[in-house]
């Protein structure tokens, strides 16, 4: 197994990579993830990620671990706060749509992908951040500026 740091906007063959057992690590500036912009109080900071090819029950898969501290707006008091996000997700990679449909019939909650010879790593990272954000961001209990919290 080898590890390497990827340049920004790196694309890779997700099925080949999943089968390879390789690992890539890197960082993206939060300001470089445009679909997040409307959800943030600030675009400062970085997202660190580690993407590995793994086998899960015999299926090639991508294991994505990412960490970021994002500046969100509390929906109680409307003040910004730091939200620590950690994602650790495994996504099997199907050879084609037919295989994906079969897997989803077996497990409707499966989070899987179809083989893509030019999967954009940044897009994958951004997708997982979007899925990991709270629907209603708010300070932790007891930390909000509103009286009575």
N, C-alpha and C. Protein backbone atom coordinates (compact mmCIF):
# COMPACT_ATOMS: atom_id res chain seq x y z
N UNK A 1 0.84 -1.17 0.00
CA UNK A 1 0.00 0.00 0.00
C UNK A 1 0.88 1.23 0.00
N UNK A 2 0.55 2.20 -0.85
CA UNK A 2 1.36 3.40 -0.90
C UNK A 2 0.48 4.61 -0.61
N UNK A 3 1.11 5.69 -0.18
CA UNK A 3 0.39 6.93 0.10
C UNK A 3 1.07 8.05 -0.67
N UNK A 4 0.26 8.97 -1.13
CA UNK A 4 0.82 10.13 -1.81
C UNK A 4 -0.09 11.33 -1.56
N UNK A 5 0.44 12.51 -1.69
CA UNK A 5 -0.34 13.73 -1.57
C UNK A 5 -0.81 14.11 -2.96
N UNK A 6 -2.09 14.42 -3.08
CA UNK A 6 -2.65 14.74 -4.38
C UNK A 6 -2.66 16.24 -4.62
N UNK A 7 -2.48 16.65 -5.85
CA UNK A 7 -2.63 18.07 -6.16
C UNK A 7 -4.12 18.44 -6.12
N UNK A 8 -4.42 19.70 -5.97
CA UNK A 8 -5.81 20.16 -5.97
C UNK A 8 -6.48 19.74 -7.28
N UNK A 9 -7.75 19.45 -7.20
CA UNK A 9 -8.58 19.07 -8.34
C UNK A 9 -8.14 17.77 -9.00
N UNK A 10 -7.51 16.88 -8.27
CA UNK A 10 -7.05 15.61 -8.83
C UNK A 10 -8.24 14.73 -9.21
N UNK A 11 -8.13 14.10 -10.36
CA UNK A 11 -9.13 13.13 -10.80
C UNK A 11 -8.46 11.77 -10.81
N UNK A 12 -9.23 10.74 -10.52
CA UNK A 12 -8.67 9.39 -10.57
C UNK A 12 -9.73 8.40 -11.02
N UNK A 13 -9.29 7.25 -11.45
CA UNK A 13 -10.16 6.15 -11.84
C UNK A 13 -10.59 5.48 -10.54
N UNK A 14 -11.83 5.72 -10.10
CA UNK A 14 -12.24 5.27 -8.78
C UNK A 14 -12.26 3.75 -8.63
N UNK A 15 -12.60 3.01 -9.67
CA UNK A 15 -12.61 1.55 -9.56
C UNK A 15 -11.19 1.00 -9.49
N UNK A 16 -10.31 1.48 -10.35
CA UNK A 16 -8.92 1.04 -10.30
C UNK A 16 -8.29 1.41 -8.96
N UNK A 17 -8.56 2.62 -8.51
CA UNK A 17 -8.01 3.08 -7.24
C UNK A 17 -8.54 2.23 -6.09
N UNK A 18 -9.83 1.92 -6.09
CA UNK A 18 -10.42 1.10 -5.02
C UNK A 18 -9.75 -0.27 -4.97
N UNK A 19 -9.46 -0.83 -6.12
CA UNK A 19 -8.83 -2.15 -6.18
C UNK A 19 -7.34 -2.11 -5.80
N UNK A 20 -6.72 -0.94 -5.92
CA UNK A 20 -5.26 -0.83 -5.76
C UNK A 20 -4.78 -0.89 -4.32
N UNK A 21 -5.64 -0.50 -3.38
CA UNK A 21 -5.19 -0.44 -2.00
C UNK A 21 -4.36 0.79 -1.70
N UNK A 22 -4.26 1.71 -2.64
CA UNK A 22 -3.49 2.93 -2.45
C UNK A 22 -4.21 3.89 -1.51
N UNK A 23 -3.47 4.89 -1.05
CA UNK A 23 -4.03 5.97 -0.23
C UNK A 23 -3.48 7.29 -0.75
N UNK A 24 -4.37 8.27 -0.84
CA UNK A 24 -3.95 9.63 -1.16
C UNK A 24 -4.44 10.53 -0.03
N UNK A 25 -3.65 11.55 0.27
CA UNK A 25 -4.03 12.52 1.28
C UNK A 25 -3.87 13.91 0.70
N UNK A 26 -4.58 14.82 1.27
CA UNK A 26 -4.45 16.19 0.80
C UNK A 26 -5.33 17.13 1.59
N UNK A 27 -5.34 18.36 1.13
CA UNK A 27 -6.15 19.42 1.74
C UNK A 27 -6.75 20.27 0.63
N UNK A 28 -7.92 20.77 0.91
CA UNK A 28 -8.57 21.75 0.03
C UNK A 28 -8.94 22.95 0.88
N UNK A 29 -8.72 24.15 0.38
CA UNK A 29 -9.19 25.32 1.12
C UNK A 29 -10.72 25.33 1.09
N UNK A 30 -11.33 25.70 2.20
CA UNK A 30 -12.79 25.78 2.25
C UNK A 30 -13.29 26.73 1.16
N UNK A 31 -12.54 27.78 0.89
CA UNK A 31 -12.94 28.76 -0.13
C UNK A 31 -12.97 28.14 -1.53
N UNK A 32 -12.35 26.98 -1.72
CA UNK A 32 -12.34 26.29 -3.01
C UNK A 32 -13.47 25.29 -3.17
N UNK A 33 -14.42 25.30 -2.24
CA UNK A 33 -15.57 24.39 -2.29
C UNK A 33 -16.84 25.24 -2.45
N UNK A 34 -17.16 25.63 -3.68
CA UNK A 34 -18.19 26.65 -3.93
C UNK A 34 -19.60 26.29 -3.48
N UNK A 35 -19.95 25.01 -3.46
CA UNK A 35 -21.31 24.64 -3.06
C UNK A 35 -21.53 24.82 -1.56
N UNK A 36 -20.47 25.00 -0.79
CA UNK A 36 -20.58 25.23 0.65
C UNK A 36 -20.80 26.69 1.00
N UNK A 37 -20.44 27.58 0.12
CA UNK A 37 -20.36 29.01 0.42
C UNK A 37 -21.61 29.56 1.10
N UNK A 38 -22.79 29.24 0.62
CA UNK A 38 -24.03 29.80 1.17
C UNK A 38 -24.35 29.27 2.56
N UNK A 39 -23.68 28.21 2.99
CA UNK A 39 -23.96 27.59 4.28
C UNK A 39 -23.00 28.03 5.38
N UNK A 40 -22.02 28.83 5.01
CA UNK A 40 -20.94 29.17 5.93
C UNK A 40 -20.98 30.64 6.33
N UNK A 41 -20.50 30.91 7.55
CA UNK A 41 -20.32 32.29 8.00
C UNK A 41 -19.00 32.84 7.46
N UNK A 42 -18.06 31.94 7.16
CA UNK A 42 -16.75 32.32 6.66
C UNK A 42 -16.20 31.18 5.83
N UNK A 43 -15.43 31.51 4.80
CA UNK A 43 -14.82 30.48 3.96
C UNK A 43 -13.37 30.23 4.34
N UNK A 44 -13.00 30.61 5.55
CA UNK A 44 -11.63 30.39 6.02
C UNK A 44 -11.45 28.92 6.40
N UNK A 45 -10.22 28.47 6.35
CA UNK A 45 -9.89 27.12 6.81
C UNK A 45 -9.62 26.15 5.69
N UNK A 46 -9.28 24.94 6.09
CA UNK A 46 -8.98 23.87 5.15
C UNK A 46 -9.71 22.59 5.54
N UNK A 47 -9.90 21.75 4.56
CA UNK A 47 -10.45 20.42 4.75
C UNK A 47 -9.32 19.44 4.46
N UNK A 48 -8.99 18.61 5.43
CA UNK A 48 -7.98 17.57 5.24
C UNK A 48 -8.69 16.27 4.94
N UNK A 49 -8.13 15.50 4.01
CA UNK A 49 -8.77 14.23 3.67
C UNK A 49 -7.73 13.13 3.46
N UNK A 50 -8.21 11.91 3.63
CA UNK A 50 -7.43 10.71 3.30
C UNK A 50 -8.39 9.78 2.56
N UNK A 51 -8.04 9.43 1.34
CA UNK A 51 -8.85 8.55 0.50
C UNK A 51 -8.06 7.29 0.24
N UNK A 52 -8.67 6.15 0.57
CA UNK A 52 -7.99 4.86 0.42
C UNK A 52 -8.83 3.90 -0.40
N UNK A 53 -8.15 3.05 -1.16
CA UNK A 53 -8.81 1.94 -1.84
C UNK A 53 -8.83 0.75 -0.89
N UNK A 54 -10.00 0.16 -0.70
CA UNK A 54 -10.15 -0.97 0.22
C UNK A 54 -11.09 -2.01 -0.40
N UNK A 55 -11.08 -3.20 0.16
CA UNK A 55 -12.06 -4.22 -0.20
C UNK A 55 -13.00 -4.41 0.99
N UNK A 56 -14.30 -4.38 0.72
CA UNK A 56 -15.31 -4.57 1.75
C UNK A 56 -16.23 -5.69 1.29
N UNK A 57 -16.25 -6.77 2.02
CA UNK A 57 -16.99 -7.98 1.64
C UNK A 57 -16.74 -8.35 0.18
N UNK A 58 -15.50 -8.26 -0.22
CA UNK A 58 -15.10 -8.64 -1.57
C UNK A 58 -15.32 -7.58 -2.63
N UNK A 59 -15.93 -6.48 -2.26
CA UNK A 59 -16.20 -5.41 -3.21
C UNK A 59 -15.14 -4.33 -3.12
N UNK A 60 -14.66 -3.81 -4.26
CA UNK A 60 -13.76 -2.66 -4.21
C UNK A 60 -14.52 -1.45 -3.67
N UNK A 61 -13.86 -0.69 -2.83
CA UNK A 61 -14.53 0.46 -2.20
C UNK A 61 -13.53 1.58 -1.97
N UNK A 62 -14.09 2.76 -1.77
CA UNK A 62 -13.31 3.94 -1.39
C UNK A 62 -13.61 4.24 0.07
N UNK A 63 -12.57 4.43 0.85
CA UNK A 63 -12.72 4.85 2.25
C UNK A 63 -12.25 6.29 2.32
N UNK A 64 -13.16 7.18 2.69
CA UNK A 64 -12.84 8.60 2.78
C UNK A 64 -12.94 9.04 4.23
N UNK A 65 -11.85 9.60 4.73
CA UNK A 65 -11.84 10.20 6.05
C UNK A 65 -11.50 11.67 5.85
N UNK A 66 -12.33 12.55 6.40
CA UNK A 66 -12.04 13.97 6.27
C UNK A 66 -12.31 14.68 7.58
N UNK A 67 -11.56 15.75 7.78
CA UNK A 67 -11.69 16.58 8.97
C UNK A 67 -11.66 18.04 8.55
N UNK A 68 -12.54 18.82 9.18
CA UNK A 68 -12.58 20.25 8.92
C UNK A 68 -13.23 20.95 10.10
N UNK A 69 -12.84 22.18 10.30
CA UNK A 69 -13.56 23.05 11.21
C UNK A 69 -14.18 24.13 10.34
N UNK A 70 -15.50 24.13 10.32
CA UNK A 70 -16.25 25.04 9.46
C UNK A 70 -16.93 26.11 10.30
N UNK A 71 -16.98 27.30 9.80
CA UNK A 71 -17.62 28.42 10.50
C UNK A 71 -19.06 28.49 10.01
N UNK A 72 -20.01 28.05 10.87
CA UNK A 72 -21.43 28.05 10.54
C UNK A 72 -22.15 29.15 11.32
N UNK A 73 -23.41 29.38 10.98
CA UNK A 73 -24.24 30.36 11.69
C UNK A 73 -25.27 29.59 12.51
N UNK A 74 -25.29 29.87 13.82
CA UNK A 74 -26.25 29.24 14.72
C UNK A 74 -27.66 29.69 14.35
N UNK A 75 -28.56 28.76 14.18
CA UNK A 75 -29.92 29.09 13.80
C UNK A 75 -30.78 29.51 14.99
N UNK A 76 -30.22 29.45 16.20
CA UNK A 76 -30.92 29.98 17.38
C UNK A 76 -30.63 31.47 17.55
N UNK A 77 -29.33 31.80 17.61
CA UNK A 77 -28.95 33.18 17.94
C UNK A 77 -28.39 33.95 16.74
N UNK A 78 -28.18 33.27 15.61
CA UNK A 78 -27.67 33.86 14.38
C UNK A 78 -26.23 34.36 14.49
N UNK A 79 -25.49 33.83 15.46
CA UNK A 79 -24.08 34.16 15.62
C UNK A 79 -23.23 33.03 15.03
N UNK A 80 -22.06 33.36 14.50
CA UNK A 80 -21.19 32.32 13.97
C UNK A 80 -20.58 31.46 15.08
N UNK A 81 -20.28 30.22 14.72
CA UNK A 81 -19.60 29.31 15.64
C UNK A 81 -18.81 28.30 14.83
N UNK A 82 -17.79 27.72 15.47
CA UNK A 82 -16.96 26.70 14.81
C UNK A 82 -17.62 25.33 14.96
N UNK A 83 -17.77 24.67 13.84
CA UNK A 83 -18.36 23.33 13.81
C UNK A 83 -17.29 22.35 13.35
N UNK A 84 -16.96 21.42 14.20
CA UNK A 84 -15.93 20.41 13.89
C UNK A 84 -16.62 19.26 13.17
N UNK A 85 -16.18 18.99 11.94
CA UNK A 85 -16.76 17.92 11.13
C UNK A 85 -15.73 16.81 10.92
N UNK A 86 -16.13 15.61 11.22
CA UNK A 86 -15.31 14.42 10.95
C UNK A 86 -16.18 13.45 10.18
N UNK A 87 -15.72 13.03 9.03
CA UNK A 87 -16.44 12.06 8.21
C UNK A 87 -15.53 10.85 8.02
N UNK A 88 -16.10 9.68 8.18
CA UNK A 88 -15.39 8.42 7.94
C UNK A 88 -16.38 7.52 7.23
N UNK A 89 -16.27 7.44 5.91
CA UNK A 89 -17.28 6.75 5.10
C UNK A 89 -16.61 5.78 4.13
N UNK A 90 -17.27 4.65 3.93
CA UNK A 90 -16.82 3.65 2.96
C UNK A 90 -17.89 3.52 1.89
N UNK A 91 -17.46 3.65 0.62
CA UNK A 91 -18.39 3.61 -0.52
C UNK A 91 -17.93 2.57 -1.52
N UNK A 92 -18.64 1.44 -1.62
CA UNK A 92 -18.30 0.46 -2.65
C UNK A 92 -18.41 1.08 -4.05
N UNK A 93 -17.60 0.57 -4.98
CA UNK A 93 -17.60 1.08 -6.35
C UNK A 93 -18.06 -0.05 -7.28
N UNK A 94 -19.24 0.14 -7.89
CA UNK A 94 -19.80 -0.84 -8.82
C UNK A 94 -19.17 -0.66 -10.21
N UNK A 95 -19.06 -1.77 -10.94
CA UNK A 95 -18.49 -1.70 -12.29
C UNK A 95 -19.37 -0.92 -13.25
N UNK A 96 -20.69 -1.00 -13.06
CA UNK A 96 -21.62 -0.31 -13.96
C UNK A 96 -22.95 -0.11 -13.23
N UNK A 97 -23.88 0.57 -13.92
CA UNK A 97 -25.20 0.85 -13.34
C UNK A 97 -25.95 -0.42 -12.96
N UNK A 98 -25.84 -1.44 -13.78
CA UNK A 98 -26.55 -2.69 -13.51
C UNK A 98 -26.09 -3.30 -12.18
N UNK A 99 -24.78 -3.32 -11.96
CA UNK A 99 -24.26 -3.86 -10.71
C UNK A 99 -24.70 -3.00 -9.52
N UNK A 100 -24.71 -1.68 -9.69
CA UNK A 100 -25.15 -0.79 -8.63
C UNK A 100 -26.61 -1.05 -8.27
N UNK A 101 -27.47 -1.21 -9.27
CA UNK A 101 -28.88 -1.48 -9.02
C UNK A 101 -29.04 -2.80 -8.24
N UNK A 102 -28.28 -3.81 -8.62
CA UNK A 102 -28.33 -5.10 -7.92
C UNK A 102 -27.93 -4.93 -6.45
N UNK A 103 -26.83 -4.20 -6.21
CA UNK A 103 -26.38 -3.97 -4.83
C UNK A 103 -27.43 -3.21 -4.02
N UNK A 104 -28.04 -2.21 -4.65
CA UNK A 104 -29.04 -1.41 -3.94
C UNK A 104 -30.31 -2.20 -3.66
N UNK A 105 -30.62 -3.19 -4.50
CA UNK A 105 -31.75 -4.08 -4.21
C UNK A 105 -31.46 -4.91 -2.97
N UNK A 106 -30.21 -5.37 -2.85
CA UNK A 106 -29.80 -6.16 -1.70
C UNK A 106 -29.73 -5.32 -0.43
N UNK A 107 -29.33 -4.05 -0.57
CA UNK A 107 -29.17 -3.16 0.58
C UNK A 107 -29.57 -1.75 0.17
N UNK A 108 -30.85 -1.38 0.40
CA UNK A 108 -31.33 -0.07 -0.04
C UNK A 108 -30.60 1.13 0.60
N UNK A 109 -29.92 0.93 1.71
CA UNK A 109 -29.22 2.02 2.38
C UNK A 109 -27.75 2.12 1.98
N UNK A 110 -27.33 1.28 1.05
CA UNK A 110 -25.94 1.27 0.62
C UNK A 110 -25.56 2.59 -0.05
N UNK A 111 -24.44 3.14 0.37
CA UNK A 111 -23.89 4.36 -0.22
C UNK A 111 -22.77 3.92 -1.16
N UNK A 112 -23.11 3.78 -2.45
CA UNK A 112 -22.14 3.24 -3.42
C UNK A 112 -22.02 4.18 -4.61
N UNK A 113 -21.00 3.94 -5.41
CA UNK A 113 -20.73 4.72 -6.61
C UNK A 113 -20.61 3.80 -7.81
N UNK A 114 -20.76 4.39 -8.99
CA UNK A 114 -20.50 3.67 -10.24
C UNK A 114 -19.08 4.02 -10.68
N UNK A 115 -18.41 3.07 -11.31
CA UNK A 115 -17.05 3.29 -11.81
C UNK A 115 -17.00 4.56 -12.66
N UNK A 116 -15.97 5.36 -12.42
CA UNK A 116 -15.77 6.61 -13.13
C UNK A 116 -14.27 6.77 -13.37
N UNK A 117 -13.84 6.72 -14.62
CA UNK A 117 -12.40 6.82 -14.88
C UNK A 117 -11.81 8.20 -14.58
N UNK A 118 -12.66 9.20 -14.33
CA UNK A 118 -12.17 10.55 -14.03
C UNK A 118 -12.93 11.17 -12.86
N UNK A 119 -13.07 10.42 -11.77
CA UNK A 119 -13.76 10.94 -10.60
C UNK A 119 -12.94 12.10 -10.01
N UNK A 120 -13.59 13.21 -9.76
CA UNK A 120 -12.94 14.38 -9.18
C UNK A 120 -12.92 14.23 -7.66
N UNK A 121 -11.75 14.18 -7.08
CA UNK A 121 -11.61 13.98 -5.63
C UNK A 121 -12.22 15.15 -4.87
N UNK A 122 -12.00 16.37 -5.35
CA UNK A 122 -12.55 17.54 -4.66
C UNK A 122 -14.07 17.48 -4.60
N UNK A 123 -14.70 17.06 -5.69
CA UNK A 123 -16.16 16.95 -5.71
C UNK A 123 -16.63 15.90 -4.71
N UNK A 124 -15.94 14.77 -4.63
CA UNK A 124 -16.28 13.74 -3.65
C UNK A 124 -16.17 14.29 -2.23
N UNK A 125 -15.09 15.00 -1.94
CA UNK A 125 -14.89 15.59 -0.61
C UNK A 125 -16.01 16.57 -0.31
N UNK A 126 -16.32 17.43 -1.25
CA UNK A 126 -17.38 18.43 -1.04
C UNK A 126 -18.73 17.76 -0.84
N UNK A 127 -19.04 16.72 -1.62
CA UNK A 127 -20.29 15.98 -1.45
C UNK A 127 -20.42 15.44 -0.03
N UNK A 128 -19.34 14.84 0.48
CA UNK A 128 -19.39 14.24 1.81
C UNK A 128 -19.52 15.29 2.90
N UNK A 129 -18.92 16.47 2.69
CA UNK A 129 -19.10 17.56 3.66
C UNK A 129 -20.56 17.99 3.67
N UNK A 130 -21.14 18.18 2.50
CA UNK A 130 -22.54 18.60 2.42
C UNK A 130 -23.46 17.60 3.12
N UNK A 131 -23.18 16.32 2.94
CA UNK A 131 -23.99 15.29 3.60
C UNK A 131 -23.77 15.26 5.11
N UNK A 132 -22.60 15.73 5.57
CA UNK A 132 -22.27 15.68 6.99
C UNK A 132 -22.68 16.90 7.78
N UNK A 133 -23.14 17.95 7.11
CA UNK A 133 -23.53 19.16 7.82
C UNK A 133 -24.88 18.98 8.50
N UNK A 134 -25.06 19.63 9.65
CA UNK A 134 -26.38 19.54 10.32
C UNK A 134 -27.43 20.31 9.51
N UNK A 135 -28.66 19.84 9.58
CA UNK A 135 -29.76 20.52 8.88
C UNK A 135 -30.00 21.89 9.50
N UNK A 136 -29.96 21.95 10.81
CA UNK A 136 -30.15 23.21 11.55
C UNK A 136 -28.92 23.45 12.42
N UNK A 137 -27.91 24.11 11.90
CA UNK A 137 -26.70 24.34 12.69
C UNK A 137 -27.01 25.17 13.94
N UNK A 138 -26.42 24.79 15.05
CA UNK A 138 -26.60 25.57 16.28
C UNK A 138 -25.45 25.27 17.23
N UNK A 139 -25.23 26.24 18.10
CA UNK A 139 -24.21 26.04 19.13
C UNK A 139 -24.52 24.77 19.92
N UNK A 140 -23.51 24.18 20.52
CA UNK A 140 -23.79 23.06 21.45
C UNK A 140 -24.66 23.57 22.60
N UNK A 141 -25.44 22.69 23.22
CA UNK A 141 -26.27 23.07 24.35
C UNK A 141 -25.43 23.80 25.39
N UNK A 142 -25.95 24.91 25.87
CA UNK A 142 -25.27 25.69 26.89
C UNK A 142 -24.29 26.70 26.35
N UNK A 143 -24.03 26.70 25.04
CA UNK A 143 -23.03 27.60 24.48
C UNK A 143 -23.64 28.73 23.64
N UNK A 144 -24.94 28.68 23.42
CA UNK A 144 -25.59 29.69 22.59
C UNK A 144 -25.74 30.99 23.38
N UNK A 145 -25.68 32.10 22.69
CA UNK A 145 -25.79 33.40 23.31
C UNK A 145 -27.19 33.77 23.74
N UNK A 146 -28.20 32.98 23.39
CA UNK A 146 -29.57 33.29 23.77
C UNK A 146 -29.79 33.01 25.25
N UNK A 147 -30.52 33.86 25.90
CA UNK A 147 -30.84 33.65 27.32
C UNK A 147 -31.69 32.41 27.46
N UNK A 148 -31.44 31.64 28.48
CA UNK A 148 -32.23 30.44 28.74
C UNK A 148 -31.73 29.20 28.03
N UNK A 149 -30.63 29.31 27.30
CA UNK A 149 -30.07 28.13 26.61
C UNK A 149 -29.31 27.26 27.57
